[in-house]
C-alpha cells in the first residue's frame, strides 16, 4: 500500500503540457451560464507527459486551477506531484514565477 504513517507517498517530476490549458478553461467557462461563488478555485484536467528522473515517462491528466491555466499552453514545462503507485492523475506543483522562468516562450509577445 502507498501509505506511510497515514500519509500518501508522493513524488515530484517535471512534465510537459500536451494540451492548451487556456483553451480548456475558456471552453469550460463559456458553458457556465450563471457564475456562482466557488468555495474553491475551479480545477481543470490537462494532458501532460510526466518525465520522472530514473523512470520511464508516462502520460497523465494534471489537475490545475483556473488561475494558472493561462500559462499552460502546449509545450510548457511544469513541476508536478503524483503518487508513484497511481500515476494516472498528477497535480500541478509549481508557482507562476518558476513556470515563467523555466519557459521563455511564455514571455514572447503574441
C-alpha atoms as a PDB file:
ATOM      1  CA  UNK A   1       0.000   0.000   0.000  1.00  0.00           C
ATOM      2  CA  UNK A   2       1.216   3.535  -0.589  1.00  0.00           C
ATOM      3  CA  UNK A   3       0.678   4.871   2.926  1.00  0.00           C
ATOM      4  CA  UNK A   4       3.473   5.714   5.315  1.00  0.00           C
ATOM      5  CA  UNK A   5       2.385   6.743   8.785  1.00  0.00           C
ATOM      6  CA  UNK A   6      -1.051   7.708   7.476  1.00  0.00           C
ATOM      7  CA  UNK A   7       0.252   9.869   4.634  1.00  0.00           C
ATOM      8  CA  UNK A   8       0.241   9.096   0.942  1.00  0.00           C
ATOM      9  CA  UNK A   9       3.632   8.816  -0.656  1.00  0.00           C
ATOM     10  CA  UNK A  10       4.231  11.362  -3.366  1.00  0.00           C
ATOM     11  CA  UNK A  11       6.913  12.140  -5.881  1.00  0.00           C
ATOM     12  CA  UNK A  12       7.798  15.208  -7.905  1.00  0.00           C
ATOM     13  CA  UNK A  13       8.799  15.313 -11.561  1.00  0.00           C
ATOM     14  CA  UNK A  14       8.870  17.650 -14.498  1.00  0.00           C
ATOM     15  CA  UNK A  15       6.087  17.388 -17.071  1.00  0.00           C
ATOM     16  CA  UNK A  16       5.328  18.911 -20.458  1.00  0.00           C
ATOM     17  CA  UNK A  17       1.800  20.004 -21.317  1.00  0.00           C
ATOM     18  CA  UNK A  18       0.197  18.177 -24.226  1.00  0.00           C
ATOM     19  CA  UNK A  19      -2.958  20.320 -24.322  1.00  0.00           C
ATOM     20  CA  UNK A  20      -3.634  24.038 -24.209  1.00  0.00           C
ATOM     21  CA  UNK A  21      -4.934  24.861 -20.726  1.00  0.00           C
ATOM     22  CA  UNK A  22      -6.109  28.298 -21.871  1.00  0.00           C
ATOM     23  CA  UNK A  23      -8.456  26.726 -24.393  1.00  0.00           C
ATOM     24  CA  UNK A  24      -9.750  24.138 -21.909  1.00  0.00           C
ATOM     25  CA  UNK A  25     -10.560  26.817 -19.316  1.00  0.00           C
ATOM     26  CA  UNK A  26     -12.125  29.141 -21.920  1.00  0.00           C
ATOM     27  CA  UNK A  27     -14.432  26.412 -23.234  1.00  0.00           C
ATOM     28  CA  UNK A  28     -15.481  25.383 -19.735  1.00  0.00           C
ATOM     29  CA  UNK A  29     -16.165  28.958 -18.635  1.00  0.00           C
ATOM     30  CA  UNK A  30     -18.283  29.631 -21.748  1.00  0.00           C
ATOM     31  CA  UNK A  31     -20.561  26.735 -20.763  1.00  0.00           C
ATOM     32  CA  UNK A  32     -21.277  28.254 -17.366  1.00  0.00           C
ATOM     33  CA  UNK A  33     -24.415  30.361 -17.715  1.00  0.00           C
ATOM     34  CA  UNK A  34     -24.694  31.558 -14.163  1.00  0.00           C
ATOM     35  CA  UNK A  35     -21.480  32.479 -12.420  1.00  0.00           C
ATOM     36  CA  UNK A  36     -21.543  31.412  -8.829  1.00  0.00           C
ATOM     37  CA  UNK A  37     -19.173  31.833  -5.957  1.00  0.00           C
ATOM     38  CA  UNK A  38     -16.922  28.824  -5.660  1.00  0.00           C
ATOM     39  CA  UNK A  39     -15.740  27.611  -2.277  1.00  0.00           C
ATOM     40  CA  UNK A  40     -12.503  26.745  -4.040  1.00  0.00           C
ATOM     41  CA  UNK A  41     -10.872  27.531  -7.338  1.00  0.00           C
ATOM     42  CA  UNK A  42     -12.308  25.690 -10.377  1.00  0.00           C
ATOM     43  CA  UNK A  43      -9.923  22.915 -11.442  1.00  0.00           C
ATOM     44  CA  UNK A  44      -9.293  21.557 -14.931  1.00  0.00           C
ATOM     45  CA  UNK A  45      -7.675  18.368 -16.285  1.00  0.00           C
ATOM     46  CA  UNK A  46      -4.861  18.984 -18.759  1.00  0.00           C
ATOM     47  CA  UNK A  47      -2.937  16.194 -20.505  1.00  0.00           C
ATOM     48  CA  UNK A  48       0.796  16.095 -19.712  1.00  0.00           C
ATOM     49  CA  UNK A  49       3.790  13.854 -20.318  1.00  0.00           C
ATOM     50  CA  UNK A  50       5.488  13.297 -16.950  1.00  0.00           C
ATOM     51  CA  UNK A  51       9.247  12.798 -17.116  1.00  0.00           C
ATOM     52  CA  UNK A  52      10.463  11.435 -13.754  1.00  0.00           C
ATOM     53  CA  UNK A  53      14.182  11.012 -13.112  1.00  0.00           C
ATOM     54  CA  UNK A  54      15.331   7.390 -13.466  1.00  0.00           C
ATOM     55  CA  UNK A  55      11.877   6.201 -14.580  1.00  0.00           C
ATOM     56  CA  UNK A  56      10.085   5.884 -17.889  1.00  0.00           C
ATOM     57  CA  UNK A  57       7.981   8.896 -18.953  1.00  0.00           C
ATOM     58  CA  UNK A  58       4.210   8.471 -18.812  1.00  0.00           C
ATOM     59  CA  UNK A  59       1.121  10.415 -19.817  1.00  0.00           C
ATOM     60  CA  UNK A  60      -1.426  11.573 -17.262  1.00  0.00           C
ATOM     61  CA  UNK A  61      -4.078  14.188 -16.574  1.00  0.00           C
ATOM     62  CA  UNK A  62      -2.848  17.112 -14.490  1.00  0.00           C
ATOM     63  CA  UNK A  63      -5.195  18.996 -12.174  1.00  0.00           C
ATOM     64  CA  UNK A  64      -4.630  22.750 -12.440  1.00  0.00           C
ATOM     65  CA  UNK A  65      -6.587  25.690 -11.100  1.00  0.00           C
ATOM     66  CA  UNK A  66      -8.070  28.308 -13.377  1.00  0.00           C
ATOM     67  CA  UNK A  67      -5.642  30.946 -12.077  1.00  0.00           C
ATOM     68  CA  UNK A  68      -2.713  29.092 -13.692  1.00  0.00           C
ATOM     69  CA  UNK A  69      -4.317  27.846 -16.910  1.00  0.00           C
ATOM     70  CA  UNK A  70      -3.272  30.991 -18.806  1.00  0.00           C
ATOM     71  CA  UNK A  71       0.331  29.699 -18.512  1.00  0.00           C
ATOM     72  CA  UNK A  72      -0.392  26.171 -19.626  1.00  0.00           C
ATOM     73  CA  UNK A  73      -0.142  26.340 -23.393  1.00  0.00           C
ATOM     74  CA  UNK A  74       1.036  23.222 -25.227  1.00  0.00           C
ATOM     75  CA  UNK A  75       4.739  22.502 -24.659  1.00  0.00           C
ATOM     76  CA  UNK A  76       5.151  24.303 -21.326  1.00  0.00           C
ATOM     77  CA  UNK A  77       7.356  22.532 -18.778  1.00  0.00           C
ATOM     78  CA  UNK A  78       5.959  22.406 -15.229  1.00  0.00           C
ATOM     79  CA  UNK A  79       6.675  20.601 -11.982  1.00  0.00           C
ATOM     80  CA  UNK A  80       4.043  18.098 -10.866  1.00  0.00           C
ATOM     81  CA  UNK A  81       3.343  15.929  -7.842  1.00  0.00           C
ATOM     82  CA  UNK A  82       1.982  12.393  -8.129  1.00  0.00           C
ATOM     83  CA  UNK A  83       1.532   9.117  -6.271  1.00  0.00           C
ATOM     84  CA  UNK A  84       4.070   6.658  -7.783  1.00  0.00           C
ATOM     85  CA  UNK A  85       1.692   3.735  -7.244  1.00  0.00           C
ATOM     86  CA  UNK A  86      -1.154   5.512  -9.106  1.00  0.00           C
ATOM     87  CA  UNK A  87       0.319   7.838 -11.716  1.00  0.00           C
ATOM     88  CA  UNK A  88      -2.720   8.399 -13.950  1.00  0.00           C
ATOM     89  CA  UNK A  89      -3.517  11.666 -12.166  1.00  0.00           C
ATOM     90  CA  UNK A  90      -0.960  14.320 -11.261  1.00  0.00           C
ATOM     91  CA  UNK A  91      -1.243  17.746  -9.669  1.00  0.00           C
ATOM     92  CA  UNK A  92       0.462  20.951 -10.726  1.00  0.00           C
ATOM     93  CA  UNK A  93       3.072  21.693  -8.035  1.00  0.00           C
ATOM     94  CA  UNK A  94       4.664  24.866  -9.357  1.00  0.00           C
ATOM     95  CA  UNK A  95       4.349  28.587  -8.808  1.00  0.00           C
ATOM     96  CA  UNK A  96       3.779  31.149 -11.541  1.00  0.00           C
ATOM     97  CA  UNK A  97       7.242  32.728 -11.322  1.00  0.00           C
ATOM     98  CA  UNK A  98       9.006  29.365 -11.632  1.00  0.00           C
ATOM     99  CA  UNK A  99       6.887  28.420 -14.668  1.00  0.00           C
ATOM    100  CA  UNK A 100       7.668  31.761 -16.330  1.00  0.00           C
ATOM    101  CA  UNK A 101      11.412  31.442 -15.597  1.00  0.00           C
ATOM    102  CA  UNK A 102      11.547  27.905 -16.999  1.00  0.00           C
ATOM    103  CA  UNK A 103       9.537  28.671 -20.153  1.00  0.00           C
ATOM    104  CA  UNK A 104      10.855  31.687 -22.090  1.00  0.00           C
ATOM    105  CA  UNK A 105       8.206  31.129 -24.801  1.00  0.00           C
ATOM    106  CA  UNK A 106       5.620  32.492 -22.344  1.00  0.00           C
ATOM    107  CA  UNK A 107       7.333  35.887 -22.271  1.00  0.00           C
ATOM    108  CA  UNK A 108       7.166  36.397 -26.049  1.00  0.00           C
ATOM    109  CA  UNK A 109       4.614  38.907 -27.250  1.00  0.00           C
ATOM    110  CA  UNK A 110       1.951  37.365 -29.437  1.00  0.00           C
END
